[in-house]
Amino acid sequence: MKDYYKISEISKLYGIGTDSIRYYEKLGILKPRRDTNGYRLYNLKDMYKLNMIRDLRHLDFSMEQIKDYLDHQCVSNTLEMLHREQEYVKEQLKELCLRERFIHERILDISRSLEIKPDVFVVKKVTNRSCVRLSEHITRDEEMDFLVKKLEQKHEDKIRDFGNQAIGAFFDMDYLNQGRANVYQSIFFILEVKMREHDFMLPEGAYLSYYYRGKYKQNLKLVEKMFQYAKEKRLNHDGKPFELYHIDNRDTKREKEFLTEIQLRLL
């Protein structure tokens, strides 16, 4: 094993840019010697310091903190560093467990959605649903995607995980009555927990529900079909149908795999 290594060898071995290595030298952390040609030569002690830099950077230590630790390295400082590393690992584990739970929930949601029988009218009872909303006139899928992102950024503090987020949109009834499909007046997120800060509430009670698969352009005929069904069954409603997106472009690019639910509040 060699006693000294050139900067190019160190850079390749540690995957660190030569500019970073020179920066460590400028800070006084590394102190290479020079050969007869003026090239930097790093010894095994420098390599040990590079290991420490890498580990401490993973703990979000600043370079100034790292230099201070290496300059005053002792058992008490090492214990303090290890305790900090332990806390960091605990936080990472907590994040991973939470992420695993989100993934598990999404797997269950998609699996249940695949088992849903579409094209059937059902009356379902639901509890109060707190929502946040963005009111915009939406005529294209691209506009919908943009506004969903905008709403996500606005309320990111209220959303656990966007992949699991329940998303809906209210139809623009003026356009729907003119025979225009897939036109909306607002989009909304249903919050997982009831929060004091919300834009509106989907009140508890009975809702007429209809699931369909495929393109959204079907919704004009389906809403008309829903109103007709409610009329035949003498179901009073508020006249404000909305869609909920159970499987959409977050999950697949195949429109035929989309699963959308139309709900209409019954009075």
C-alpha atoms as a PDB file:
ATOM      1  CA  MET A   1       0.000   0.000   0.000  1.00  0.00           C
ATOM      2  CA  LYS A   2       1.355   3.398  -0.994  1.00  0.00           C
ATOM      3  CA  ASP A   3       2.059   6.081   1.585  1.00  0.00           C
ATOM      4  CA  TYR A   4       1.118   8.993  -0.692  1.00  0.00           C
ATOM      5  CA  TYR A   5      -1.537   9.555  -3.366  1.00  0.00           C
ATOM      6  CA  LYS A   6      -2.025  12.256  -5.995  1.00  0.00           C
ATOM      7  CA  ILE A   7      -5.114  14.454  -6.053  1.00  0.00           C
ATOM      8  CA  SER A   8      -6.484  12.666  -9.138  1.00  0.00           C
ATOM      9  CA  GLU A   9      -6.239   9.321  -7.328  1.00  0.00           C
ATOM     10  CA  ILE A  10      -7.963  10.691  -4.230  1.00  0.00           C
ATOM     11  CA  SER A  11     -10.693  12.289  -6.347  1.00  0.00           C
ATOM     12  CA  LYS A  12     -11.414   9.017  -8.160  1.00  0.00           C
ATOM     13  CA  LEU A  13     -11.265   6.900  -4.997  1.00  0.00           C
ATOM     14  CA  TYR A  14     -13.681   9.061  -2.980  1.00  0.00           C
ATOM     15  CA  GLY A  15     -15.809  10.423  -5.804  1.00  0.00           C
ATOM     16  CA  ILE A  16     -14.937  13.955  -4.715  1.00  0.00           C
ATOM     17  CA  GLY A  17     -14.142  16.705  -7.199  1.00  0.00           C
ATOM     18  CA  THR A  18     -10.626  18.079  -7.198  1.00  0.00           C
ATOM     19  CA  ASP A  19     -12.031  21.571  -6.524  1.00  0.00           C
ATOM     20  CA  SER A  20     -13.586  20.282  -3.274  1.00  0.00           C
ATOM     21  CA  ILE A  21     -10.303  18.685  -2.233  1.00  0.00           C
ATOM     22  CA  ARG A  22      -8.480  21.962  -2.875  1.00  0.00           C
ATOM     23  CA  TYR A  23     -11.180  23.742  -0.838  1.00  0.00           C
ATOM     24  CA  TYR A  24     -10.530  21.402   2.106  1.00  0.00           C
ATOM     25  CA  GLU A  25      -6.859  22.305   1.787  1.00  0.00           C
ATOM     26  CA  LYS A  26      -7.721  26.015   1.763  1.00  0.00           C
ATOM     27  CA  LEU A  27      -9.668  25.553   5.005  1.00  0.00           C
ATOM     28  CA  GLY A  28      -6.634  23.900   6.532  1.00  0.00           C
ATOM     29  CA  ILE A  29      -8.291  20.511   6.990  1.00  0.00           C
ATOM     30  CA  LEU A  30      -5.993  18.776   4.510  1.00  0.00           C
ATOM     31  CA  LYS A  31      -2.296  19.555   4.408  1.00  0.00           C
ATOM     32  CA  PRO A  32      -0.725  17.727   1.470  1.00  0.00           C
ATOM     33  CA  ARG A  33       2.995  17.742   0.797  1.00  0.00           C
ATOM     34  CA  ARG A  34       4.457  18.499  -2.644  1.00  0.00           C
ATOM     35  CA  ASP A  35       6.663  16.267  -4.763  1.00  0.00           C
ATOM     36  CA  THR A  36       9.628  17.521  -6.777  1.00  0.00           C
ATOM     37  CA  ASN A  37       7.302  18.474  -9.625  1.00  0.00           C
ATOM     38  CA  GLY A  38       4.995  20.468  -7.369  1.00  0.00           C
ATOM     39  CA  TYR A  39       2.153  17.924  -7.400  1.00  0.00           C
ATOM     40  CA  ARG A  40       0.062  17.528  -4.249  1.00  0.00           C
ATOM     41  CA  LEU A  41       0.624  14.281  -2.360  1.00  0.00           C
ATOM     42  CA  TYR A  42      -1.879  13.092   0.242  1.00  0.00           C
ATOM     43  CA  ASN A  43      -1.011  10.625   2.995  1.00  0.00           C
ATOM     44  CA  LEU A  44      -3.130   8.087   4.880  1.00  0.00           C
ATOM     45  CA  LYS A  45      -4.001  10.649   7.557  1.00  0.00           C
ATOM     46  CA  ASP A  46      -5.561  12.832   4.867  1.00  0.00           C
ATOM     47  CA  MET A  47      -7.633   9.847   3.741  1.00  0.00           C
ATOM     48  CA  TYR A  48      -8.905   9.367   7.277  1.00  0.00           C
ATOM     49  CA  LYS A  49      -9.953  13.015   7.314  1.00  0.00           C
ATOM     50  CA  LEU A  50     -11.789  12.573   4.018  1.00  0.00           C
ATOM     51  CA  ASN A  51     -13.733   9.691   5.563  1.00  0.00           C
ATOM     52  CA  MET A  52     -14.675  11.932   8.476  1.00  0.00           C
ATOM     53  CA  ILE A  53     -15.702  14.764   6.144  1.00  0.00           C
ATOM     54  CA  ARG A  54     -17.965  12.418   4.179  1.00  0.00           C
ATOM     55  CA  ASP A  55     -19.624  11.002   7.322  1.00  0.00           C
ATOM     56  CA  LEU A  56     -20.120  14.385   8.973  1.00  0.00           C
ATOM     57  CA  ARG A  57     -21.475  15.987   5.796  1.00  0.00           C
ATOM     58  CA  HIS A  58     -24.166  13.280   5.790  1.00  0.00           C
ATOM     59  CA  LEU A  59     -25.149  14.617   9.211  1.00  0.00           C
ATOM     60  CA  ASP A  60     -25.423  18.139   7.775  1.00  0.00           C
ATOM     61  CA  PHE A  61     -22.303  19.374   9.559  1.00  0.00           C
ATOM     62  CA  SER A  62     -20.954  22.554   7.990  1.00  0.00           C
ATOM     63  CA  MET A  63     -17.331  22.592   6.859  1.00  0.00           C
ATOM     64  CA  GLU A  64     -16.547  24.983   9.712  1.00  0.00           C
ATOM     65  CA  GLN A  65     -18.017  22.504  12.219  1.00  0.00           C
ATOM     66  CA  ILE A  66     -16.069  19.657  10.636  1.00  0.00           C
ATOM     67  CA  LYS A  67     -12.815  21.588  10.849  1.00  0.00           C
ATOM     68  CA  ASP A  68     -13.489  22.443  14.483  1.00  0.00           C
ATOM     69  CA  TYR A  69     -14.203  18.782  15.275  1.00  0.00           C
ATOM     70  CA  LEU A  70     -11.038  17.545  13.550  1.00  0.00           C
ATOM     71  CA  ASP A  71      -8.946  20.278  15.185  1.00  0.00           C
ATOM     72  CA  HIS A  72     -10.250  19.400  18.665  1.00  0.00           C
ATOM     73  CA  GLN A  73     -10.980  15.713  18.267  1.00  0.00           C
ATOM     74  CA  CYS A  74     -11.347  13.975  21.629  1.00  0.00           C
ATOM     75  CA  VAL A  75     -13.564  11.348  23.254  1.00  0.00           C
ATOM     76  CA  SER A  76     -16.170  13.852  24.482  1.00  0.00           C
ATOM     77  CA  ASN A  77     -16.460  15.448  21.034  1.00  0.00           C
ATOM     78  CA  THR A  78     -16.666  12.030  19.403  1.00  0.00           C
ATOM     79  CA  LEU A  79     -19.464  10.989  21.770  1.00  0.00           C
ATOM     80  CA  GLU A  80     -21.335  14.193  20.972  1.00  0.00           C
ATOM     81  CA  MET A  81     -20.939  13.489  17.265  1.00  0.00           C
ATOM     82  CA  LEU A  82     -22.144   9.892  17.692  1.00  0.00           C
ATOM     83  CA  HIS A  83     -25.210  11.016  19.640  1.00  0.00           C
ATOM     84  CA  ARG A  84     -26.005  13.450  16.853  1.00  0.00           C
ATOM     85  CA  GLU A  85     -25.566  10.684  14.285  1.00  0.00           C
ATOM     86  CA  GLN A  86     -27.847   8.433  16.334  1.00  0.00           C
ATOM     87  CA  GLU A  87     -30.602  11.071  16.342  1.00  0.00           C
ATOM     88  CA  TYR A  88     -30.176  11.567  12.620  1.00  0.00           C
ATOM     89  CA  VAL A  89     -30.589   7.831  11.986  1.00  0.00           C
ATOM     90  CA  LYS A  90     -33.714   7.756  14.176  1.00  0.00           C
ATOM     91  CA  GLU A  91     -35.241  10.582  12.140  1.00  0.00           C
ATOM     92  CA  GLN A  92     -34.395   8.802   8.903  1.00  0.00           C
ATOM     93  CA  LEU A  93     -36.014   5.601  10.167  1.00  0.00           C
ATOM     94  CA  LYS A  94     -39.112   7.540  11.172  1.00  0.00           C
ATOM     95  CA  GLU A  95     -39.300   9.064   7.679  1.00  0.00           C
ATOM     96  CA  LEU A  96     -38.846   5.665   6.035  1.00  0.00           C
ATOM     97  CA  CYS A  97     -41.579   4.093   8.187  1.00  0.00           C
ATOM     98  CA  LEU A  98     -43.949   6.926   7.309  1.00  0.00           C
ATOM     99  CA  ARG A  99     -43.114   6.615   3.621  1.00  0.00           C
ATOM    100  CA  GLU A 100     -43.648   2.856   3.756  1.00  0.00           C
ATOM    101  CA  ARG A 101     -47.088   3.467   5.276  1.00  0.00           C
ATOM    102  CA  PHE A 102     -48.006   5.904   2.490  1.00  0.00           C
ATOM    103  CA  ILE A 103     -46.940   3.390  -0.140  1.00  0.00           C
ATOM    104  CA  HIS A 104     -48.897   0.613   1.567  1.00  0.00           C
ATOM    105  CA  GLU A 105     -52.016   2.787   1.703  1.00  0.00           C
ATOM    106  CA  ARG A 106     -51.692   3.687  -1.977  1.00  0.00           C
ATOM    107  CA  ILE A 107     -51.302   0.011  -2.901  1.00  0.00           C
ATOM    108  CA  LEU A 108     -54.515  -0.750  -0.994  1.00  0.00           C
ATOM    109  CA  ASP A 109     -56.346   2.197  -2.613  1.00  0.00           C
ATOM    110  CA  ILE A 110     -55.385   1.182  -6.150  1.00  0.00           C
ATOM    111  CA  SER A 111     -56.106  -2.496  -5.464  1.00  0.00           C
ATOM    112  CA  ARG A 112     -59.567  -1.634  -4.112  1.00  0.00           C
ATOM    113  CA  SER A 113     -60.185   0.660  -7.083  1.00  0.00           C
ATOM    114  CA  LEU A 114     -59.436  -2.175  -9.498  1.00  0.00           C
ATOM    115  CA  GLU A 115     -62.172  -4.243  -7.828  1.00  0.00           C
ATOM    116  CA  ILE A 116     -64.854  -1.529  -8.076  1.00  0.00           C
ATOM    117  CA  LYS A 117     -67.702  -2.332 -10.432  1.00  0.00           C
ATOM    118  CA  PRO A 118     -68.295   0.714 -12.672  1.00  0.00           C
ATOM    119  CA  ASP A 119     -71.441   1.943 -14.416  1.00  0.00           C
ATOM    120  CA  VAL A 120     -73.725   1.335 -11.433  1.00  0.00           C
ATOM    121  CA  PHE A 121     -75.649   3.924  -9.421  1.00  0.00           C
ATOM    122  CA  VAL A 122     -75.232   3.603  -5.661  1.00  0.00           C
ATOM    123  CA  VAL A 123     -76.363   5.767  -2.769  1.00  0.00           C
ATOM    124  CA  LYS A 124     -73.577   6.022  -0.211  1.00  0.00           C
ATOM    125  CA  LYS A 125     -73.410   7.746   3.156  1.00  0.00           C
ATOM    126  CA  VAL A 126     -70.288   9.725   4.018  1.00  0.00           C
ATOM    127  CA  THR A 127     -69.043  11.788   6.936  1.00  0.00           C
ATOM    128  CA  ASN A 128     -68.058  15.470   6.774  1.00  0.00           C
ATOM    129  CA  ARG A 129     -65.124  16.053   4.423  1.00  0.00           C
ATOM    130  CA  SER A 130     -62.920  19.122   4.928  1.00  0.00           C
ATOM    131  CA  CYS A 131     -61.604  20.499   1.641  1.00  0.00           C
ATOM    132  CA  VAL A 132     -59.326  23.144   0.178  1.00  0.00           C
ATOM    133  CA  ARG A 133     -60.251  24.598  -3.177  1.00  0.00           C
ATOM    134  CA  LEU A 134     -58.954  26.572  -6.133  1.00  0.00           C
ATOM    135  CA  SER A 135     -61.654  28.217  -8.242  1.00  0.00           C
ATOM    136  CA  GLU A 136     -60.653  28.519 -11.894  1.00  0.00           C
ATOM    137  CA  HIS A 137     -62.382  27.921 -15.223  1.00  0.00           C
ATOM    138  CA  ILE A 138     -60.886  24.670 -16.527  1.00  0.00           C
ATOM    139  CA  THR A 139     -61.434  23.407 -20.074  1.00  0.00           C
ATOM    140  CA  ARG A 140     -58.314  21.288 -20.717  1.00  0.00           C
ATOM    141  CA  ASP A 141     -56.518  18.458 -18.941  1.00  0.00           C
ATOM    142  CA  GLU A 142     -53.293  20.496 -19.032  1.00  0.00           C
ATOM    143  CA  GLU A 143     -55.024  23.296 -17.104  1.00  0.00           C
ATOM    144  CA  MET A 144     -56.264  20.779 -14.570  1.00  0.00           C
ATOM    145  CA  ASP A 145     -52.750  19.391 -14.013  1.00  0.00           C
ATOM    146  CA  PHE A 146     -51.308  22.890 -13.594  1.00  0.00           C
ATOM    147  CA  LEU A 147     -53.956  23.938 -11.070  1.00  0.00           C
ATOM    148  CA  VAL A 148     -53.605  20.696  -9.116  1.00  0.00           C
ATOM    149  CA  LYS A 149     -49.901  21.470  -8.738  1.00  0.00           C
ATOM    150  CA  LYS A 150     -50.692  25.049  -7.759  1.00  0.00           C
ATOM    151  CA  LEU A 151     -53.169  23.880  -5.105  1.00  0.00           C
ATOM    152  CA  GLU A 152     -50.660  21.341  -3.811  1.00  0.00           C
ATOM    153  CA  GLN A 153     -48.015  24.033  -3.336  1.00  0.00           C
ATOM    154  CA  LYS A 154     -50.479  26.340  -1.629  1.00  0.00           C
ATOM    155  CA  HIS A 155     -51.520  23.722   0.926  1.00  0.00           C
ATOM    156  CA  GLU A 156     -48.477  21.485   1.194  1.00  0.00           C
ATOM    157  CA  ASP A 157     -48.591  21.858   4.983  1.00  0.00           C
ATOM    158  CA  LYS A 158     -51.993  20.122   5.027  1.00  0.00           C
ATOM    159  CA  ILE A 159     -51.087  17.247   2.687  1.00  0.00           C
ATOM    160  CA  ARG A 160     -49.351  14.146   3.999  1.00  0.00           C
ATOM    161  CA  ASP A 161     -48.422  12.668   0.627  1.00  0.00           C
ATOM    162  CA  PHE A 162     -49.480  13.923  -2.791  1.00  0.00           C
ATOM    163  CA  GLY A 163     -49.595  10.408  -4.275  1.00  0.00           C
ATOM    164  CA  ASN A 164     -52.346   9.524  -1.798  1.00  0.00           C
ATOM    165  CA  GLN A 165     -54.150  12.843  -2.010  1.00  0.00           C
ATOM    166  CA  ALA A 166     -57.896  12.675  -2.815  1.00  0.00           C
ATOM    167  CA  ILE A 167     -58.525  15.107  -5.687  1.00  0.00           C
ATOM    168  CA  GLY A 168     -61.869  16.279  -7.038  1.00  0.00           C
ATOM    169  CA  ALA A 169     -63.405  18.892  -9.324  1.00  0.00           C
ATOM    170  CA  PHE A 170     -66.821  20.567  -9.568  1.00  0.00           C
ATOM    171  CA  PHE A 171     -68.408  20.730 -13.006  1.00  0.00           C
ATOM    172  CA  ASP A 172     -69.218  24.068 -14.595  1.00  0.00           C
ATOM    173  CA  MET A 173     -72.964  23.485 -14.929  1.00  0.00           C
ATOM    174  CA  ASP A 174     -73.477  26.380 -17.363  1.00  0.00           C
ATOM    175  CA  TYR A 175     -71.189  24.718 -19.886  1.00  0.00           C
ATOM    176  CA  LEU A 176     -72.518  21.253 -19.090  1.00  0.00           C
ATOM    177  CA  ASN A 177     -76.064  22.458 -19.842  1.00  0.00           C
ATOM    178  CA  GLN A 178     -74.747  23.807 -23.165  1.00  0.00           C
ATOM    179  CA  GLY A 179     -73.499  20.342 -24.070  1.00  0.00           C
ATOM    180  CA  ARG A 180     -69.804  20.923 -23.203  1.00  0.00           C
ATOM    181  CA  ALA A 181     -68.146  17.936 -21.523  1.00  0.00           C
ATOM    182  CA  ASN A 182     -65.119  18.008 -19.243  1.00  0.00           C
ATOM    183  CA  VAL A 183     -65.409  21.650 -18.157  1.00  0.00           C
ATOM    184  CA  TYR A 184     -64.965  22.571 -14.498  1.00  0.00           C
ATOM    185  CA  GLN A 185     -65.334  25.598 -12.239  1.00  0.00           C
ATOM    186  CA  SER A 186     -63.001  24.496  -9.435  1.00  0.00           C
ATOM    187  CA  ILE A 187     -60.712  21.760  -8.178  1.00  0.00           C
ATOM    188  CA  PHE A 188     -60.346  20.645  -4.579  1.00  0.00           C
ATOM    189  CA  PHE A 189     -58.468  18.342  -2.249  1.00  0.00           C
ATOM    190  CA  ILE A 190     -60.241  16.333   0.437  1.00  0.00           C
ATOM    191  CA  LEU A 191     -58.079  16.616   3.533  1.00  0.00           C
ATOM    192  CA  GLU A 192     -57.334  13.403   5.346  1.00  0.00           C
ATOM    193  CA  VAL A 193     -58.057  14.887   8.756  1.00  0.00           C
ATOM    194  CA  LYS A 194     -60.575  17.523   9.754  1.00  0.00           C
ATOM    195  CA  MET A 195     -58.776  20.846  10.043  1.00  0.00           C
ATOM    196  CA  ARG A 196     -59.902  24.220  11.283  1.00  0.00           C
ATOM    197  CA  GLU A 197     -58.369  25.867   8.243  1.00  0.00           C
ATOM    198  CA  HIS A 198     -60.269  24.690   5.187  1.00  0.00           C
ATOM    199  CA  ASP A 199     -62.107  26.359   2.320  1.00  0.00           C
ATOM    200  CA  PHE A 200     -65.359  24.431   2.425  1.00  0.00           C
ATOM    201  CA  MET A 201     -66.969  21.253   3.692  1.00  0.00           C
ATOM    202  CA  LEU A 202     -68.580  18.447   1.758  1.00  0.00           C
ATOM    203  CA  PRO A 203     -71.294  17.827   4.336  1.00  0.00           C
ATOM    204  CA  GLU A 204     -72.075  14.427   5.740  1.00  0.00           C
ATOM    205  CA  GLY A 205     -75.059  12.616   4.378  1.00  0.00           C
ATOM    206  CA  ALA A 206     -76.157  10.614   1.373  1.00  0.00           C
ATOM    207  CA  TYR A 207     -74.572  10.973  -2.055  1.00  0.00           C
ATOM    208  CA  LEU A 208     -75.532   9.397  -5.340  1.00  0.00           C
ATOM    209  CA  SER A 209     -72.366   7.769  -6.707  1.00  0.00           C
ATOM    210  CA  TYR A 210     -71.391   6.516 -10.150  1.00  0.00           C
ATOM    211  CA  TYR A 211     -67.971   5.148 -11.142  1.00  0.00           C
ATOM    212  CA  TYR A 212     -66.725   5.077 -14.720  1.00  0.00           C
ATOM    213  CA  ARG A 213     -63.516   4.013 -16.422  1.00  0.00           C
ATOM    214  CA  GLY A 214     -61.781   5.699 -19.322  1.00  0.00           C
ATOM    215  CA  LYS A 215     -61.818   9.193 -20.819  1.00  0.00           C
ATOM    216  CA  TYR A 216     -63.239  12.196 -18.999  1.00  0.00           C
ATOM    217  CA  LYS A 217     -65.162  13.301 -22.096  1.00  0.00           C
ATOM    218  CA  GLN A 218     -67.815  10.759 -21.137  1.00  0.00           C
ATOM    219  CA  ASN A 219     -68.894  12.861 -18.200  1.00  0.00           C
ATOM    220  CA  LEU A 220     -71.453  15.015 -20.067  1.00  0.00           C
ATOM    221  CA  LYS A 221     -73.638  12.007 -20.872  1.00  0.00           C
ATOM    222  CA  LEU A 222     -72.973  10.449 -17.476  1.00  0.00           C
ATOM    223  CA  VAL A 223     -74.079  13.531 -15.538  1.00  0.00           C
ATOM    224  CA  GLU A 224     -77.226  13.710 -17.664  1.00  0.00           C
ATOM    225  CA  LYS A 225     -77.738  10.022 -16.925  1.00  0.00           C
ATOM    226  CA  MET A 226     -77.266  10.684 -13.194  1.00  0.00           C
ATOM    227  CA  PHE A 227     -79.847  13.499 -13.179  1.00  0.00           C
ATOM    228  CA  GLN A 228     -82.276  11.280 -15.047  1.00  0.00           C
ATOM    229  CA  TYR A 229     -81.740   8.429 -12.590  1.00  0.00           C
ATOM    230  CA  ALA A 230     -82.309  10.780  -9.632  1.00  0.00           C
ATOM    231  CA  LYS A 231     -85.507  12.021 -11.253  1.00  0.00           C
ATOM    232  CA  GLU A 232     -86.809   8.502 -11.852  1.00  0.00           C
ATOM    233  CA  LYS A 233     -86.005   7.473  -8.261  1.00  0.00           C
ATOM    234  CA  ARG A 234     -87.396  10.764  -6.900  1.00  0.00           C
ATOM    235  CA  LEU A 235     -84.117  11.654  -5.263  1.00  0.00           C
ATOM    236  CA  ASN A 236     -83.810  15.328  -4.396  1.00  0.00           C
ATOM    237  CA  HIS A 237     -80.300  16.755  -4.865  1.00  0.00           C
ATOM    238  CA  ASP A 238     -78.372  20.018  -4.780  1.00  0.00           C
ATOM    239  CA  GLY A 239     -77.670  20.035  -8.542  1.00  0.00           C
ATOM    240  CA  LYS A 240     -73.907  20.334  -8.043  1.00  0.00           C
ATOM    241  CA  PRO A 241     -72.197  17.125  -9.185  1.00  0.00           C
ATOM    242  CA  PHE A 242     -68.459  16.694  -8.817  1.00  0.00           C
ATOM    243  CA  GLU A 243     -65.823  14.162  -9.798  1.00  0.00           C
ATOM    244  CA  LEU A 244     -63.310  12.296  -7.642  1.00  0.00           C
ATOM    245  CA  TYR A 245     -60.200  10.839  -9.289  1.00  0.00           C
ATOM    246  CA  HIS A 246     -59.364   7.408  -7.876  1.00  0.00           C
ATOM    247  CA  ILE A 247     -56.976   6.311 -10.639  1.00  0.00           C
ATOM    248  CA  ASP A 248     -55.608   9.063 -12.877  1.00  0.00           C
ATOM    249  CA  ASN A 249     -52.403  10.232 -14.540  1.00  0.00           C
ATOM    250  CA  ARG A 250     -50.549   9.944 -11.239  1.00  0.00           C
ATOM    251  CA  ASP A 251     -50.905   6.187 -11.617  1.00  0.00           C
ATOM    252  CA  THR A 252     -51.117   5.459 -15.354  1.00  0.00           C
ATOM    253  CA  LYS A 253     -50.828   7.128 -18.755  1.00  0.00           C
ATOM    254  CA  ARG A 254     -53.458   4.759 -20.195  1.00  0.00           C
ATOM    255  CA  GLU A 255     -56.766   6.581 -20.201  1.00  0.00           C
ATOM    256  CA  LYS A 256     -58.678   3.316 -20.340  1.00  0.00           C
ATOM    257  CA  GLU A 257     -57.322   2.537 -16.857  1.00  0.00           C
ATOM    258  CA  PHE A 258     -58.586   5.790 -15.311  1.00  0.00           C
ATOM    259  CA  LEU A 259     -61.238   5.324 -12.611  1.00  0.00           C
ATOM    260  CA  THR A 260     -63.399   8.355 -11.856  1.00  0.00           C
ATOM    261  CA  GLU A 261     -66.370   8.730  -9.537  1.00  0.00           C
ATOM    262  CA  ILE A 262     -69.202  11.224  -9.982  1.00  0.00           C
ATOM    263  CA  GLN A 263     -70.975  12.198  -6.781  1.00  0.00           C
ATOM    264  CA  LEU A 264     -74.179  14.188  -6.303  1.00  0.00           C
ATOM    265  CA  ARG A 265     -75.310  15.283  -2.871  1.00  0.00           C
ATOM    266  CA  LEU A 266     -78.822  14.169  -1.988  1.00  0.00           C
ATOM    267  CA  LEU A 267     -81.089  16.402   0.109  1.00  0.00           C
END
